[in-house]
Amino acid sequence: MNYDFQTLPDVIKVPQSAYRPIKRCQNCQSVFINEKNCESCGRSLEYHLIGELFSAKSYYGIKERYVENQNKLLYFFPIFENKNSASARSYVRNLSKRFSDLLTAFNSNNIIRPHQRKIFYAESIEIINELLRYSFDSQLIDSLLAENDNSKIGQELLFYLHQESHQIEAESSWAKTILEYRVFGILRINFILKSFITVATICLLAVSYKNIISLQFGK
């Protein structure tokens, strides 16, 4: 039996559409992966550092869970929120972790798709604003950007932080807000209370002084 080993281009030509990009682990870039895990680092292939846009991992998901766990009264009177509570501190930690993950994604390949970068950038801006509103030290945000981000977006975030850190102040406590409220846009509640206490003290002293004089003169 004779075999013809002649290669005919038209016969063995592989169509371009048959080629597929090599799959790599998003964590270590290894090509040694199976359907579920990376054989090099063990990372689950279902894991994604930052998730999809507006997912539960995002700022919006973190914010939604935080609000849902608050007292229902805060839905109507958010001024009474205690930003120093354990839940608020946990919320801030989750935001800072999310911000750090976004910086890692901006500096990595194949985590953020090109059309998603602007949206994740906008999310990063929202996180910076929220952290500043919760009295998070702007210097810590600055250090995260300076140490972990060399991307163009990272530089833009750093510029935004330097521009806005003095404009966005931590929200005052409800007690301070109420005391600073101006009645009819003129007099602060704080001033009215101080005036009331001063007048009441003067009246009390006057009555006490009158009683002392009356006792001394038998009247």
C-alpha atoms as a PDB file:
ATOM      1  CA  MET A   1       0.000   0.000   0.000  1.00  0.00           C
ATOM      2  CA  ASN A   2       1.353   3.377  -0.990  1.00  0.00           C
ATOM      3  CA  TYR A   3       0.756   6.572   0.943  1.00  0.00           C
ATOM      4  CA  ASP A   4       0.766   9.969  -0.590  1.00  0.00           C
ATOM      5  CA  PHE A   5       2.452  12.408   1.808  1.00  0.00           C
ATOM      6  CA  GLN A   6       2.067  15.355  -0.463  1.00  0.00           C
ATOM      7  CA  THR A   7       0.685  18.370   1.393  1.00  0.00           C
ATOM      8  CA  LEU A   8      -1.970  20.241  -0.481  1.00  0.00           C
ATOM      9  CA  PRO A   9      -2.542  23.766   0.935  1.00  0.00           C
ATOM     10  CA  ASP A  10      -6.152  23.811  -0.196  1.00  0.00           C
ATOM     11  CA  VAL A  11      -6.809  20.532   1.610  1.00  0.00           C
ATOM     12  CA  ILE A  12      -5.107  21.032   4.986  1.00  0.00           C
ATOM     13  CA  LYS A  13      -5.534  24.806   5.334  1.00  0.00           C
ATOM     14  CA  VAL A  14      -6.974  25.612   8.787  1.00  0.00           C
ATOM     15  CA  PRO A  15      -9.533  28.437   8.706  1.00  0.00           C
ATOM     16  CA  GLN A  16      -8.624  31.534  10.703  1.00  0.00           C
ATOM     17  CA  SER A  17     -11.876  31.316  12.671  1.00  0.00           C
ATOM     18  CA  ALA A  18     -10.700  28.014  14.186  1.00  0.00           C
ATOM     19  CA  TYR A  19      -7.973  29.712  16.210  1.00  0.00           C
ATOM     20  CA  ARG A  20      -8.807  30.666  19.763  1.00  0.00           C
ATOM     21  CA  PRO A  21      -6.814  32.910  22.130  1.00  0.00           C
ATOM     22  CA  ILE A  22      -4.813  31.120  24.784  1.00  0.00           C
ATOM     23  CA  LYS A  23      -6.602  31.178  28.121  1.00  0.00           C
ATOM     24  CA  ARG A  24      -4.547  32.381  31.049  1.00  0.00           C
ATOM     25  CA  CYS A  25      -5.087  32.638  34.761  1.00  0.00           C
ATOM     26  CA  GLN A  26      -6.066  36.204  35.669  1.00  0.00           C
ATOM     27  CA  ASN A  27      -4.044  35.936  38.883  1.00  0.00           C
ATOM     28  CA  CYS A  28      -0.677  34.546  37.706  1.00  0.00           C
ATOM     29  CA  GLN A  29      -1.096  34.498  33.892  1.00  0.00           C
ATOM     30  CA  SER A  30      -0.288  30.778  33.771  1.00  0.00           C
ATOM     31  CA  VAL A  31      -1.613  28.726  30.836  1.00  0.00           C
ATOM     32  CA  PHE A  32      -1.825  25.577  32.970  1.00  0.00           C
ATOM     33  CA  ILE A  33      -5.500  25.742  33.841  1.00  0.00           C
ATOM     34  CA  ASN A  34      -8.412  23.336  33.856  1.00  0.00           C
ATOM     35  CA  GLU A  35     -12.149  24.015  33.779  1.00  0.00           C
ATOM     36  CA  LYS A  36     -12.302  25.195  37.406  1.00  0.00           C
ATOM     37  CA  ASN A  37      -8.877  26.068  38.789  1.00  0.00           C
ATOM     38  CA  CYS A  38      -5.429  27.300  37.893  1.00  0.00           C
ATOM     39  CA  GLU A  39      -2.974  24.437  38.354  1.00  0.00           C
ATOM     40  CA  SER A  40      -0.147  26.875  39.105  1.00  0.00           C
ATOM     41  CA  CYS A  41      -1.601  29.092  41.841  1.00  0.00           C
ATOM     42  CA  GLY A  42      -4.796  27.236  42.709  1.00  0.00           C
ATOM     43  CA  ARG A  43      -7.046  30.268  42.119  1.00  0.00           C
ATOM     44  CA  SER A  44     -10.621  29.467  41.124  1.00  0.00           C
ATOM     45  CA  LEU A  45     -11.329  30.546  37.563  1.00  0.00           C
ATOM     46  CA  GLU A  46     -14.774  31.684  38.653  1.00  0.00           C
ATOM     47  CA  TYR A  47     -13.159  34.319  40.893  1.00  0.00           C
ATOM     48  CA  HIS A  48     -12.966  37.846  39.529  1.00  0.00           C
ATOM     49  CA  LEU A  49     -11.112  40.569  41.416  1.00  0.00           C
ATOM     50  CA  ILE A  50     -13.608  43.395  40.824  1.00  0.00           C
ATOM     51  CA  GLY A  51     -16.628  41.633  39.347  1.00  0.00           C
ATOM     52  CA  GLU A  52     -18.929  43.061  36.719  1.00  0.00           C
ATOM     53  CA  LEU A  53     -20.083  46.658  36.424  1.00  0.00           C
ATOM     54  CA  PHE A  54     -22.507  47.643  39.205  1.00  0.00           C
ATOM     55  CA  SER A  55     -22.240  44.172  40.751  1.00  0.00           C
ATOM     56  CA  ALA A  56     -22.461  43.276  44.445  1.00  0.00           C
ATOM     57  CA  LYS A  57     -18.697  43.852  44.682  1.00  0.00           C
ATOM     58  CA  SER A  58     -18.995  47.434  43.452  1.00  0.00           C
ATOM     59  CA  TYR A  59     -19.336  50.620  45.491  1.00  0.00           C
ATOM     60  CA  TYR A  60     -23.037  50.622  44.681  1.00  0.00           C
ATOM     61  CA  GLY A  61     -23.532  47.098  46.027  1.00  0.00           C
ATOM     62  CA  ILE A  62     -21.524  47.859  49.172  1.00  0.00           C
ATOM     63  CA  LYS A  63     -23.523  51.055  49.738  1.00  0.00           C
ATOM     64  CA  GLU A  64     -26.840  49.287  49.219  1.00  0.00           C
ATOM     65  CA  ARG A  65     -26.032  46.569  51.780  1.00  0.00           C
ATOM     66  CA  TYR A  66     -24.846  49.157  54.303  1.00  0.00           C
ATOM     67  CA  VAL A  67     -28.053  51.194  53.978  1.00  0.00           C
ATOM     68  CA  GLU A  68     -30.255  48.088  54.183  1.00  0.00           C
ATOM     69  CA  ASN A  69     -28.638  47.121  57.495  1.00  0.00           C
ATOM     70  CA  GLN A  70     -29.307  50.516  59.069  1.00  0.00           C
ATOM     71  CA  ASN A  71     -32.227  51.467  61.269  1.00  0.00           C
ATOM     72  CA  LYS A  72     -35.307  52.127  59.125  1.00  0.00           C
ATOM     73  CA  LEU A  73     -35.547  55.580  60.704  1.00  0.00           C
ATOM     74  CA  LEU A  74     -32.454  56.593  58.726  1.00  0.00           C
ATOM     75  CA  TYR A  75     -34.361  56.172  55.459  1.00  0.00           C
ATOM     76  CA  PHE A  76     -36.346  59.270  56.410  1.00  0.00           C
ATOM     77  CA  PHE A  77     -33.833  61.034  58.663  1.00  0.00           C
ATOM     78  CA  PRO A  78     -30.312  60.243  57.387  1.00  0.00           C
ATOM     79  CA  ILE A  79     -29.032  63.117  59.518  1.00  0.00           C
ATOM     80  CA  PHE A  80     -29.132  60.770  62.531  1.00  0.00           C
ATOM     81  CA  GLU A  81     -26.581  58.352  61.047  1.00  0.00           C
ATOM     82  CA  ASN A  82     -23.694  57.610  63.416  1.00  0.00           C
ATOM     83  CA  LYS A  83     -20.588  57.647  61.240  1.00  0.00           C
ATOM     84  CA  ASN A  84     -18.462  56.397  64.135  1.00  0.00           C
ATOM     85  CA  SER A  85     -20.489  53.228  64.690  1.00  0.00           C
ATOM     86  CA  ALA A  86     -19.071  49.734  64.137  1.00  0.00           C
ATOM     87  CA  SER A  87     -21.174  49.275  60.984  1.00  0.00           C
ATOM     88  CA  ALA A  88     -19.965  52.609  59.562  1.00  0.00           C
ATOM     89  CA  ARG A  89     -16.325  51.704  60.237  1.00  0.00           C
ATOM     90  CA  SER A  90     -16.865  48.332  58.550  1.00  0.00           C
ATOM     91  CA  TYR A  91     -18.438  50.138  55.594  1.00  0.00           C
ATOM     92  CA  VAL A  92     -15.384  52.385  55.264  1.00  0.00           C
ATOM     93  CA  ARG A  93     -13.041  49.360  55.406  1.00  0.00           C
ATOM     94  CA  ASN A  94     -15.008  47.670  52.622  1.00  0.00           C
ATOM     95  CA  LEU A  95     -14.807  50.826  50.505  1.00  0.00           C
ATOM     96  CA  SER A  96     -11.056  51.167  50.987  1.00  0.00           C
ATOM     97  CA  LYS A  97     -10.610  47.475  50.058  1.00  0.00           C
ATOM     98  CA  ARG A  98     -12.733  47.986  46.949  1.00  0.00           C
ATOM     99  CA  PHE A  99     -10.669  51.039  46.000  1.00  0.00           C
ATOM    100  CA  SER A 100      -7.441  49.056  46.392  1.00  0.00           C
ATOM    101  CA  ASP A 101      -8.839  46.250  44.196  1.00  0.00           C
ATOM    102  CA  LEU A 102      -9.780  48.759  41.496  1.00  0.00           C
ATOM    103  CA  LEU A 103      -6.243  50.159  41.522  1.00  0.00           C
ATOM    104  CA  THR A 104      -4.874  46.639  41.117  1.00  0.00           C
ATOM    105  CA  ALA A 105      -7.227  46.058  38.194  1.00  0.00           C
ATOM    106  CA  PHE A 106      -6.192  49.308  36.488  1.00  0.00           C
ATOM    107  CA  ASN A 107      -2.562  48.149  36.667  1.00  0.00           C
ATOM    108  CA  SER A 108      -3.236  44.613  35.417  1.00  0.00           C
ATOM    109  CA  ASN A 109      -3.959  43.165  32.016  1.00  0.00           C
ATOM    110  CA  ASN A 110      -7.193  41.487  30.972  1.00  0.00           C
ATOM    111  CA  ILE A 111      -9.166  42.395  34.133  1.00  0.00           C
ATOM    112  CA  ILE A 112     -10.891  45.576  32.940  1.00  0.00           C
ATOM    113  CA  ARG A 113     -12.091  45.610  29.359  1.00  0.00           C
ATOM    114  CA  PRO A 114     -11.431  48.858  27.452  1.00  0.00           C
ATOM    115  CA  HIS A 115     -15.087  49.922  27.298  1.00  0.00           C
ATOM    116  CA  GLN A 116     -15.400  49.457  31.079  1.00  0.00           C
ATOM    117  CA  ARG A 117     -12.528  51.699  32.156  1.00  0.00           C
ATOM    118  CA  LYS A 118     -14.495  54.967  32.208  1.00  0.00           C
ATOM    119  CA  ILE A 119     -17.241  53.435  34.337  1.00  0.00           C
ATOM    120  CA  PHE A 120     -14.805  51.916  36.841  1.00  0.00           C
ATOM    121  CA  TYR A 121     -13.014  55.285  36.898  1.00  0.00           C
ATOM    122  CA  ALA A 122     -16.316  56.987  37.790  1.00  0.00           C
ATOM    123  CA  GLU A 123     -16.832  54.405  40.538  1.00  0.00           C
ATOM    124  CA  SER A 124     -13.364  55.185  41.916  1.00  0.00           C
ATOM    125  CA  ILE A 125     -14.289  58.877  42.066  1.00  0.00           C
ATOM    126  CA  GLU A 126     -17.452  58.006  44.005  1.00  0.00           C
ATOM    127  CA  ILE A 127     -15.423  55.958  46.478  1.00  0.00           C
ATOM    128  CA  ILE A 128     -12.960  58.813  47.048  1.00  0.00           C
ATOM    129  CA  ASN A 129     -15.857  61.210  47.718  1.00  0.00           C
ATOM    130  CA  GLU A 130     -17.540  58.787  50.103  1.00  0.00           C
ATOM    131  CA  LEU A 131     -14.342  58.059  52.027  1.00  0.00           C
ATOM    132  CA  LEU A 132     -13.763  61.789  52.501  1.00  0.00           C
ATOM    133  CA  ARG A 133     -17.343  62.227  53.711  1.00  0.00           C
ATOM    134  CA  TYR A 134     -16.690  59.549  56.331  1.00  0.00           C
ATOM    135  CA  SER A 135     -13.541  61.292  57.637  1.00  0.00           C
ATOM    136  CA  PHE A 136     -11.135  58.869  55.955  1.00  0.00           C
ATOM    137  CA  ASP A 137      -7.674  60.411  55.944  1.00  0.00           C
ATOM    138  CA  SER A 138      -6.938  61.784  52.462  1.00  0.00           C
ATOM    139  CA  GLN A 139      -3.245  61.042  53.031  1.00  0.00           C
ATOM    140  CA  LEU A 140      -4.064  57.318  53.187  1.00  0.00           C
ATOM    141  CA  ILE A 141      -5.849  57.539  49.837  1.00  0.00           C
ATOM    142  CA  ASP A 142      -2.874  59.468  48.470  1.00  0.00           C
ATOM    143  CA  SER A 143      -0.467  56.759  49.652  1.00  0.00           C
ATOM    144  CA  LEU A 144      -2.589  54.012  48.069  1.00  0.00           C
ATOM    145  CA  LEU A 145      -2.479  55.820  44.753  1.00  0.00           C
ATOM    146  CA  ALA A 146       1.200  56.718  44.952  1.00  0.00           C
ATOM    147  CA  GLU A 147       2.371  53.237  45.955  1.00  0.00           C
ATOM    148  CA  ASN A 148       0.046  50.972  43.991  1.00  0.00           C
ATOM    149  CA  ASP A 149      -0.956  52.810  40.846  1.00  0.00           C
ATOM    150  CA  ASN A 150       1.199  53.893  37.928  1.00  0.00           C
ATOM    151  CA  SER A 151      -1.588  53.883  35.355  1.00  0.00           C
ATOM    152  CA  LYS A 152      -2.912  56.956  33.576  1.00  0.00           C
ATOM    153  CA  ILE A 153      -6.227  56.599  35.404  1.00  0.00           C
ATOM    154  CA  GLY A 154      -4.343  56.383  38.693  1.00  0.00           C
ATOM    155  CA  GLN A 155      -2.641  59.689  37.971  1.00  0.00           C
ATOM    156  CA  GLU A 156      -5.997  61.254  37.135  1.00  0.00           C
ATOM    157  CA  LEU A 157      -7.428  59.973  40.425  1.00  0.00           C
ATOM    158  CA  LEU A 158      -4.453  61.405  42.292  1.00  0.00           C
ATOM    159  CA  PHE A 159      -5.004  64.782  40.632  1.00  0.00           C
ATOM    160  CA  TYR A 160      -8.713  64.640  41.520  1.00  0.00           C
ATOM    161  CA  LEU A 161      -7.894  63.825  45.147  1.00  0.00           C
ATOM    162  CA  HIS A 162      -5.539  66.796  45.434  1.00  0.00           C
ATOM    163  CA  GLN A 163      -8.146  69.083  43.897  1.00  0.00           C
ATOM    164  CA  GLU A 164     -11.151  67.911  45.901  1.00  0.00           C
ATOM    165  CA  SER A 165      -9.792  66.792  49.284  1.00  0.00           C
ATOM    166  CA  HIS A 166     -10.127  70.349  50.611  1.00  0.00           C
ATOM    167  CA  GLN A 167     -13.564  70.825  49.072  1.00  0.00           C
ATOM    168  CA  ILE A 168     -15.268  67.702  50.411  1.00  0.00           C
ATOM    169  CA  GLU A 169     -15.555  67.768  54.177  1.00  0.00           C
ATOM    170  CA  ALA A 170     -16.739  65.053  56.519  1.00  0.00           C
ATOM    171  CA  GLU A 171     -20.418  65.475  57.272  1.00  0.00           C
ATOM    172  CA  SER A 172     -21.118  66.872  60.719  1.00  0.00           C
ATOM    173  CA  SER A 173     -22.895  64.858  63.403  1.00  0.00           C
ATOM    174  CA  TRP A 174     -26.661  65.305  63.668  1.00  0.00           C
ATOM    175  CA  ALA A 175     -26.292  67.212  66.948  1.00  0.00           C
ATOM    176  CA  LYS A 176     -23.879  69.729  65.430  1.00  0.00           C
ATOM    177  CA  THR A 177     -26.026  70.062  62.322  1.00  0.00           C
ATOM    178  CA  ILE A 178     -29.106  70.844  64.393  1.00  0.00           C
ATOM    179  CA  LEU A 179     -27.243  73.356  66.553  1.00  0.00           C
ATOM    180  CA  GLU A 180     -25.895  75.093  63.444  1.00  0.00           C
ATOM    181  CA  TYR A 181     -29.335  75.299  61.821  1.00  0.00           C
ATOM    182  CA  ARG A 182     -30.527  78.906  61.299  1.00  0.00           C
ATOM    183  CA  VAL A 183     -34.120  79.690  62.224  1.00  0.00           C
ATOM    184  CA  PHE A 184     -35.644  81.796  59.418  1.00  0.00           C
ATOM    185  CA  GLY A 185     -32.103  81.913  58.024  1.00  0.00           C
ATOM    186  CA  ILE A 186     -31.013  84.335  60.762  1.00  0.00           C
ATOM    187  CA  LEU A 187     -30.457  82.904  64.247  1.00  0.00           C
ATOM    188  CA  ARG A 188     -28.666  79.630  64.892  1.00  0.00           C
ATOM    189  CA  ILE A 189     -30.297  77.106  67.228  1.00  0.00           C
ATOM    190  CA  ASN A 190     -27.008  77.124  69.125  1.00  0.00           C
ATOM    191  CA  PHE A 191     -27.316  80.893  69.776  1.00  0.00           C
ATOM    192  CA  ILE A 192     -30.984  80.606  70.788  1.00  0.00           C
ATOM    193  CA  LEU A 193     -30.230  77.832  73.297  1.00  0.00           C
ATOM    194  CA  LYS A 194     -27.303  79.754  74.769  1.00  0.00           C
ATOM    195  CA  SER A 195     -29.447  82.865  75.067  1.00  0.00           C
ATOM    196  CA  PHE A 196     -32.256  80.905  76.724  1.00  0.00           C
ATOM    197  CA  ILE A 197     -29.860  79.321  79.217  1.00  0.00           C
ATOM    198  CA  THR A 198     -28.299  82.718  79.988  1.00  0.00           C
ATOM    199  CA  VAL A 199     -31.698  84.392  80.570  1.00  0.00           C
ATOM    200  CA  ALA A 200     -32.932  81.467  82.659  1.00  0.00           C
ATOM    201  CA  THR A 201     -29.771  81.586  84.770  1.00  0.00           C
ATOM    202  CA  ILE A 202     -30.140  85.356  85.330  1.00  0.00           C
ATOM    203  CA  CYS A 203     -33.796  84.923  86.314  1.00  0.00           C
ATOM    204  CA  LEU A 204     -32.925  82.111  88.706  1.00  0.00           C
ATOM    205  CA  LEU A 205     -30.188  84.180  90.322  1.00  0.00           C
ATOM    206  CA  ALA A 206     -32.557  87.169  90.614  1.00  0.00           C
ATOM    207  CA  VAL A 207     -35.224  85.062  92.316  1.00  0.00           C
ATOM    208  CA  SER A 208     -32.643  83.527  94.648  1.00  0.00           C
ATOM    209  CA  TYR A 209     -31.229  86.969  95.480  1.00  0.00           C
ATOM    210  CA  LYS A 210     -34.743  88.299  96.165  1.00  0.00           C
ATOM    211  CA  ASN A 211     -35.452  85.401  98.529  1.00  0.00           C
ATOM    212  CA  ILE A 212     -32.188  86.034 100.397  1.00  0.00           C
ATOM    213  CA  ILE A 213     -33.014  89.749 100.802  1.00  0.00           C
ATOM    214  CA  SER A 214     -36.546  88.909 101.954  1.00  0.00           C
ATOM    215  CA  LEU A 215     -35.227  86.548 104.596  1.00  0.00           C
ATOM    216  CA  GLN A 216     -32.716  89.112 105.855  1.00  0.00           C
ATOM    217  CA  PHE A 217     -35.309  91.894 106.230  1.00  0.00           C
ATOM    218  CA  GLY A 218     -38.196  89.662 107.241  1.00  0.00           C
ATOM    219  CA  LYS A 219     -40.265  90.543 104.253  1.00  0.00           C
END
